Structures are given as C-alpha cells and as structure tokens.
C-alpha cells in the first residue's frame, strides 16, 4: 500500500470497512456520517500512504484513526452549534434596535472589504481557518503547502485585518459590551 498498490489498498478497504463503519456509528449515531468518517480516514491514508506508520498493527491504526476522526468531527460540530446559538441570541438581542442594525451592517461591509483586500492565498487560508474551522495542518494538506507557510499567512492576514479594521474597534467593543449586558 505504501508503494501505491491500489489492489492492496482496495483489499484493506474491503476487509475493514464494515467493522470501521460500525465503530464510527457508535460515535455518530448516523449511518451516512459514519460512512463519511471512514471514507475520510481511508482518503487521508491513501493521500499520505508513503508516510504511513502503523507501528505493527494496521487494524489498530485504522480503528484509532476512525476514533480520532469521529471525535474531531463531534468537537467541531459542538463548536459550530455553540456558535450558532450565540449568533442567534446575538441577533435577537440586536433585533429591536434599528441603529444597531445599521451599524452591524456597516461593520459587516467593512470586514468583508478588508477580507477582499487580502492577498489571494492569505485570504483563502484565513477563510479556511476562521470560517471552515480547519486546523493549520488540514489547510496545509488541502492546499499542498507547508504548515509554516500557513502559519505565516495567517499571521499576515491577522496583522493586515487589525490595521484595516483598527478604526472600527470602538464599534466592535460597543456591540460586545451591549451584547454581554443583555
């Protein structure tokens, strides 16, 4: 499999898929999601096959990978759900104030403008990190970059955004203090 033998990979896939799917299902409680977890694990293994280190037990390695992938998915889902609840509550808190709505829209436009002005790679990495909630290593893998490049580009994006949005900091603080009081 390490040398790119597709038949060996297919054999491993067929041999372990059902058991890994059942294991992922114990976490996900959803057939389709469990299937996606296992497929993600096998895709990652195929993509990084030359670096594969199973430490003796391929079966143990596969089950640990499905375990980790499942927990990562659930952690990200929990974060997204918490953000959605906070976002909905924030929206409700602001809903009654027309002037706050205008300020919110204006701030959103300035943030979008600042994002649009970032260099392409910088913007892509920032959006993958902040909006898709991907880790630096995942971004590096998807964009075929080193993790150091991703770290540098994120630092650059944050620095540029701080400068471009500095004048709006009082507005952001106004919203945050207003939301926490309600």
C-alpha atoms as a PDB file:
ATOM      1  CA  UNK A   1       0.000   0.000   0.000  1.00  0.00           C
ATOM      2  CA  UNK A   2       2.888   2.364   0.821  1.00  0.00           C
ATOM      3  CA  UNK A   3       4.167   1.995  -2.745  1.00  0.00           C
ATOM      4  CA  UNK A   4       0.813   2.957  -4.233  1.00  0.00           C
ATOM      5  CA  UNK A   5      -0.546  -0.526  -4.901  1.00  0.00           C
ATOM      6  CA  UNK A   6      -4.248   0.138  -5.462  1.00  0.00           C
ATOM      7  CA  UNK A   7      -5.167  -3.544  -5.156  1.00  0.00           C
ATOM      8  CA  UNK A   8      -3.586  -3.736  -1.698  1.00  0.00           C
ATOM      9  CA  UNK A   9      -5.414  -0.575  -0.671  1.00  0.00           C
ATOM     10  CA  UNK A  10      -8.719  -1.924  -2.002  1.00  0.00           C
ATOM     11  CA  UNK A  11      -8.178  -5.195  -0.137  1.00  0.00           C
ATOM     12  CA  UNK A  12      -7.598  -3.343   3.147  1.00  0.00           C
ATOM     13  CA  UNK A  13     -10.617  -1.133   2.466  1.00  0.00           C
ATOM     14  CA  UNK A  14     -12.920  -4.104   1.825  1.00  0.00           C
ATOM     15  CA  UNK A  15     -11.533  -6.046   4.773  1.00  0.00           C
ATOM     16  CA  UNK A  16     -12.009  -3.326   7.380  1.00  0.00           C
ATOM     17  CA  UNK A  17     -14.777  -1.046   6.084  1.00  0.00           C
ATOM     18  CA  UNK A  18     -17.767  -2.757   7.733  1.00  0.00           C
ATOM     19  CA  UNK A  19     -16.136  -3.007  11.143  1.00  0.00           C
ATOM     20  CA  UNK A  20     -14.832   0.575  11.000  1.00  0.00           C
ATOM     21  CA  UNK A  21     -18.250   1.792   9.867  1.00  0.00           C
ATOM     22  CA  UNK A  22     -19.916   0.063  12.822  1.00  0.00           C
ATOM     23  CA  UNK A  23     -17.310   1.581  15.151  1.00  0.00           C
ATOM     24  CA  UNK A  24     -17.817   5.088  13.724  1.00  0.00           C
ATOM     25  CA  UNK A  25     -21.581   4.620  14.063  1.00  0.00           C
ATOM     26  CA  UNK A  26     -21.174   4.213  17.841  1.00  0.00           C
ATOM     27  CA  UNK A  27     -19.950   7.822  17.898  1.00  0.00           C
ATOM     28  CA  UNK A  28     -22.039   9.378  15.138  1.00  0.00           C
ATOM     29  CA  UNK A  29     -25.400   7.619  15.567  1.00  0.00           C
ATOM     30  CA  UNK A  30     -25.898   8.334  11.866  1.00  0.00           C
ATOM     31  CA  UNK A  31     -25.216   5.843   9.092  1.00  0.00           C
ATOM     32  CA  UNK A  32     -24.206   8.379   6.437  1.00  0.00           C
ATOM     33  CA  UNK A  33     -21.964  10.325   8.791  1.00  0.00           C
ATOM     34  CA  UNK A  34     -20.270   7.125   9.978  1.00  0.00           C
ATOM     35  CA  UNK A  35     -19.632   6.184   6.357  1.00  0.00           C
ATOM     36  CA  UNK A  36     -18.171   9.611   5.649  1.00  0.00           C
ATOM     37  CA  UNK A  37     -15.865   9.341   8.679  1.00  0.00           C
ATOM     38  CA  UNK A  38     -14.476   6.007   7.458  1.00  0.00           C
ATOM     39  CA  UNK A  39     -14.101   7.286   3.902  1.00  0.00           C
ATOM     40  CA  UNK A  40     -12.239  10.354   5.171  1.00  0.00           C
ATOM     41  CA  UNK A  41      -9.843   8.115   7.070  1.00  0.00           C
ATOM     42  CA  UNK A  42      -9.172   5.962   4.013  1.00  0.00           C
ATOM     43  CA  UNK A  43      -8.752   9.021   1.776  1.00  0.00           C
ATOM     44  CA  UNK A  44      -6.225  10.503   4.175  1.00  0.00           C
ATOM     45  CA  UNK A  45      -4.378   7.188   4.374  1.00  0.00           C
ATOM     46  CA  UNK A  46      -4.208   6.968   0.583  1.00  0.00           C
ATOM     47  CA  UNK A  47      -3.031  10.563   0.259  1.00  0.00           C
ATOM     48  CA  UNK A  48      -0.300  10.043   2.857  1.00  0.00           C
ATOM     49  CA  UNK A  49       0.426   6.396   2.134  1.00  0.00           C
ATOM     50  CA  UNK A  50       4.171   6.939   1.740  1.00  0.00           C
ATOM     51  CA  UNK A  51       4.340   8.300   5.303  1.00  0.00           C
ATOM     52  CA  UNK A  52       2.146   5.557   6.785  1.00  0.00           C
ATOM     53  CA  UNK A  53       3.450   4.222  10.122  1.00  0.00           C
ATOM     54  CA  UNK A  54       1.147   1.650  11.647  1.00  0.00           C
ATOM     55  CA  UNK A  55       3.590   0.523  14.357  1.00  0.00           C
ATOM     56  CA  UNK A  56       2.809  -3.112  13.629  1.00  0.00           C
ATOM     57  CA  UNK A  57      -0.988  -3.286  13.749  1.00  0.00           C
ATOM     58  CA  UNK A  58      -2.837  -1.937  10.731  1.00  0.00           C
ATOM     59  CA  UNK A  59      -6.173  -2.823  12.320  1.00  0.00           C
ATOM     60  CA  UNK A  60      -5.332  -0.896  15.500  1.00  0.00           C
ATOM     61  CA  UNK A  61      -4.105   2.027  13.432  1.00  0.00           C
ATOM     62  CA  UNK A  62      -7.351   2.142  11.416  1.00  0.00           C
ATOM     63  CA  UNK A  63      -9.566   1.964  14.487  1.00  0.00           C
ATOM     64  CA  UNK A  64      -7.546   4.696  16.226  1.00  0.00           C
ATOM     65  CA  UNK A  65      -7.805   6.866  13.085  1.00  0.00           C
ATOM     66  CA  UNK A  66     -11.609   6.409  12.958  1.00  0.00           C
ATOM     67  CA  UNK A  67     -11.804   7.140  16.692  1.00  0.00           C
ATOM     68  CA  UNK A  68      -9.829  10.387  16.286  1.00  0.00           C
ATOM     69  CA  UNK A  69     -11.724  11.451  13.147  1.00  0.00           C
ATOM     70  CA  UNK A  70     -15.043  10.850  14.927  1.00  0.00           C
ATOM     71  CA  UNK A  71     -14.043  12.836  17.997  1.00  0.00           C
ATOM     72  CA  UNK A  72     -12.701  15.687  15.850  1.00  0.00           C
ATOM     73  CA  UNK A  73     -15.946  15.808  13.904  1.00  0.00           C
ATOM     74  CA  UNK A  74     -18.031  15.865  17.086  1.00  0.00           C
ATOM     75  CA  UNK A  75     -15.822  18.569  18.610  1.00  0.00           C
ATOM     76  CA  UNK A  76     -16.190  20.744  15.509  1.00  0.00           C
ATOM     77  CA  UNK A  77     -19.934  20.113  15.451  1.00  0.00           C
ATOM     78  CA  UNK A  78     -20.230  21.143  19.089  1.00  0.00           C
ATOM     79  CA  UNK A  79     -18.283  24.343  18.371  1.00  0.00           C
ATOM     80  CA  UNK A  80     -20.471  25.152  15.357  1.00  0.00           C
ATOM     81  CA  UNK A  81     -23.631  24.522  17.369  1.00  0.00           C
ATOM     82  CA  UNK A  82     -22.436  26.747  20.214  1.00  0.00           C
ATOM     83  CA  UNK A  83     -21.531  29.489  17.744  1.00  0.00           C
ATOM     84  CA  UNK A  84     -24.940  29.200  16.077  1.00  0.00           C
ATOM     85  CA  UNK A  85     -26.712  29.517  19.431  1.00  0.00           C
ATOM     86  CA  UNK A  86     -24.575  32.544  20.326  1.00  0.00           C
ATOM     87  CA  UNK A  87     -25.121  34.052  16.885  1.00  0.00           C
ATOM     88  CA  UNK A  88     -28.889  33.572  17.113  1.00  0.00           C
ATOM     89  CA  UNK A  89     -29.002  35.063  20.615  1.00  0.00           C
ATOM     90  CA  UNK A  90     -26.856  37.989  19.485  1.00  0.00           C
ATOM     91  CA  UNK A  91     -29.156  38.572  16.540  1.00  0.00           C
ATOM     92  CA  UNK A  92     -32.205  38.540  18.810  1.00  0.00           C
ATOM     93  CA  UNK A  93     -30.553  40.999  21.193  1.00  0.00           C
ATOM     94  CA  UNK A  94     -29.852  43.376  18.316  1.00  0.00           C
ATOM     95  CA  UNK A  95     -33.144  42.879  16.510  1.00  0.00           C
ATOM     96  CA  UNK A  96     -35.008  45.586  18.409  1.00  0.00           C
ATOM     97  CA  UNK A  97     -32.556  48.387  17.719  1.00  0.00           C
ATOM     98  CA  UNK A  98     -32.620  49.905  14.230  1.00  0.00           C
ATOM     99  CA  UNK A  99     -29.461  51.949  14.739  1.00  0.00           C
ATOM    100  CA  UNK A 100     -27.602  48.867  15.890  1.00  0.00           C
ATOM    101  CA  UNK A 101     -28.782  47.042  12.775  1.00  0.00           C
ATOM    102  CA  UNK A 102     -27.344  49.780  10.590  1.00  0.00           C
ATOM    103  CA  UNK A 103     -24.064  49.727  12.498  1.00  0.00           C
ATOM    104  CA  UNK A 104     -23.924  45.939  12.275  1.00  0.00           C
ATOM    105  CA  UNK A 105     -24.421  46.052   8.511  1.00  0.00           C
ATOM    106  CA  UNK A 106     -21.786  48.759   8.168  1.00  0.00           C
ATOM    107  CA  UNK A 107     -19.297  46.802  10.246  1.00  0.00           C
ATOM    108  CA  UNK A 108     -20.004  43.676   8.189  1.00  0.00           C
ATOM    109  CA  UNK A 109     -19.318  45.603   4.981  1.00  0.00           C
ATOM    110  CA  UNK A 110     -16.005  46.900   6.320  1.00  0.00           C
ATOM    111  CA  UNK A 111     -14.954  43.430   7.437  1.00  0.00           C
ATOM    112  CA  UNK A 112     -15.834  41.982   4.030  1.00  0.00           C
ATOM    113  CA  UNK A 113     -13.956  44.793   2.263  1.00  0.00           C
ATOM    114  CA  UNK A 114     -10.891  44.169   4.423  1.00  0.00           C
ATOM    115  CA  UNK A 115     -11.077  40.435   3.651  1.00  0.00           C
ATOM    116  CA  UNK A 116     -11.418  41.133  -0.076  1.00  0.00           C
ATOM    117  CA  UNK A 117      -8.278  43.268   0.013  1.00  0.00           C
ATOM    118  CA  UNK A 118      -6.141  40.464   1.457  1.00  0.00           C
ATOM    119  CA  UNK A 119      -3.792  38.724  -0.990  1.00  0.00           C
ATOM    120  CA  UNK A 120      -5.496  35.647  -2.509  1.00  0.00           C
ATOM    121  CA  UNK A 121      -3.530  32.932  -0.674  1.00  0.00           C
ATOM    122  CA  UNK A 122      -3.697  34.875   2.571  1.00  0.00           C
ATOM    123  CA  UNK A 123      -7.483  35.285   2.248  1.00  0.00           C
ATOM    124  CA  UNK A 124      -8.028  31.630   1.359  1.00  0.00           C
ATOM    125  CA  UNK A 125      -6.039  30.415   4.352  1.00  0.00           C
ATOM    126  CA  UNK A 126      -7.782  32.876   6.692  1.00  0.00           C
ATOM    127  CA  UNK A 127     -11.244  31.816   5.489  1.00  0.00           C
ATOM    128  CA  UNK A 128     -10.427  28.111   5.787  1.00  0.00           C
ATOM    129  CA  UNK A 129      -9.215  28.659   9.341  1.00  0.00           C
ATOM    130  CA  UNK A 130     -11.862  31.036  10.624  1.00  0.00           C
ATOM    131  CA  UNK A 131     -14.973  30.128   8.613  1.00  0.00           C
ATOM    132  CA  UNK A 132     -14.438  26.429   7.864  1.00  0.00           C
ATOM    133  CA  UNK A 133     -12.777  25.838  11.259  1.00  0.00           C
ATOM    134  CA  UNK A 134      -9.906  23.830   9.767  1.00  0.00           C
ATOM    135  CA  UNK A 135      -6.669  23.313  11.639  1.00  0.00           C
ATOM    136  CA  UNK A 136      -3.435  24.623  10.139  1.00  0.00           C
ATOM    137  CA  UNK A 137      -2.299  21.090   9.256  1.00  0.00           C
ATOM    138  CA  UNK A 138      -5.570  20.395   7.426  1.00  0.00           C
ATOM    139  CA  UNK A 139      -5.208  23.647   5.487  1.00  0.00           C
ATOM    140  CA  UNK A 140      -1.601  22.823   4.622  1.00  0.00           C
ATOM    141  CA  UNK A 141      -2.647  19.386   3.388  1.00  0.00           C
ATOM    142  CA  UNK A 142      -5.534  20.698   1.279  1.00  0.00           C
ATOM    143  CA  UNK A 143      -3.500  23.498  -0.314  1.00  0.00           C
ATOM    144  CA  UNK A 144      -0.328  21.433  -0.618  1.00  0.00           C
ATOM    145  CA  UNK A 145       1.653  23.930   1.475  1.00  0.00           C
ATOM    146  CA  UNK A 146       3.936  23.608   4.466  1.00  0.00           C
ATOM    147  CA  UNK A 147       2.373  24.230   7.845  1.00  0.00           C
ATOM    148  CA  UNK A 148       4.908  27.037   8.331  1.00  0.00           C
ATOM    149  CA  UNK A 149       3.540  28.794   5.224  1.00  0.00           C
ATOM    150  CA  UNK A 150       0.018  28.503   6.618  1.00  0.00           C
ATOM    151  CA  UNK A 151       1.138  29.917   9.970  1.00  0.00           C
ATOM    152  CA  UNK A 152       2.940  32.821   8.267  1.00  0.00           C
ATOM    153  CA  UNK A 153      -0.037  33.613   6.018  1.00  0.00           C
ATOM    154  CA  UNK A 154      -2.439  33.569   8.996  1.00  0.00           C
ATOM    155  CA  UNK A 155      -0.155  35.918  10.895  1.00  0.00           C
ATOM    156  CA  UNK A 156      -0.017  38.205   7.872  1.00  0.00           C
ATOM    157  CA  UNK A 157      -3.825  38.135   7.472  1.00  0.00           C
ATOM    158  CA  UNK A 158      -4.441  38.948  11.125  1.00  0.00           C
ATOM    159  CA  UNK A 159      -1.920  41.788  11.064  1.00  0.00           C
ATOM    160  CA  UNK A 160      -3.470  43.314   7.915  1.00  0.00           C
ATOM    161  CA  UNK A 161      -7.010  42.966   9.286  1.00  0.00           C
ATOM    162  CA  UNK A 162      -6.005  44.566  12.597  1.00  0.00           C
ATOM    163  CA  UNK A 163      -4.625  47.576  10.732  1.00  0.00           C
ATOM    164  CA  UNK A 164      -7.539  47.867   8.291  1.00  0.00           C
ATOM    165  CA  UNK A 165     -10.203  47.488  10.982  1.00  0.00           C
ATOM    166  CA  UNK A 166      -8.484  49.463  13.773  1.00  0.00           C
ATOM    167  CA  UNK A 167     -10.798  52.438  13.320  1.00  0.00           C
ATOM    168  CA  UNK A 168     -13.807  50.179  13.877  1.00  0.00           C
ATOM    169  CA  UNK A 169     -12.569  48.755  17.177  1.00  0.00           C
ATOM    170  CA  UNK A 170     -14.806  51.114  19.212  1.00  0.00           C
ATOM    171  CA  UNK A 171     -17.795  49.878  17.216  1.00  0.00           C
ATOM    172  CA  UNK A 172     -16.887  46.250  17.866  1.00  0.00           C
ATOM    173  CA  UNK A 173     -16.442  46.971  21.569  1.00  0.00           C
ATOM    174  CA  UNK A 174     -19.802  48.760  21.627  1.00  0.00           C
ATOM    175  CA  UNK A 175     -21.501  45.662  20.274  1.00  0.00           C
ATOM    176  CA  UNK A 176     -19.679  43.287  22.573  1.00  0.00           C
ATOM    177  CA  UNK A 177     -20.441  45.287  25.704  1.00  0.00           C
ATOM    178  CA  UNK A 178     -24.041  45.745  24.613  1.00  0.00           C
ATOM    179  CA  UNK A 179     -24.474  42.021  23.988  1.00  0.00           C
ATOM    180  CA  UNK A 180     -22.988  40.998  27.307  1.00  0.00           C
ATOM    181  CA  UNK A 181     -25.256  43.342  29.251  1.00  0.00           C
ATOM    182  CA  UNK A 182     -28.420  41.849  27.750  1.00  0.00           C
END
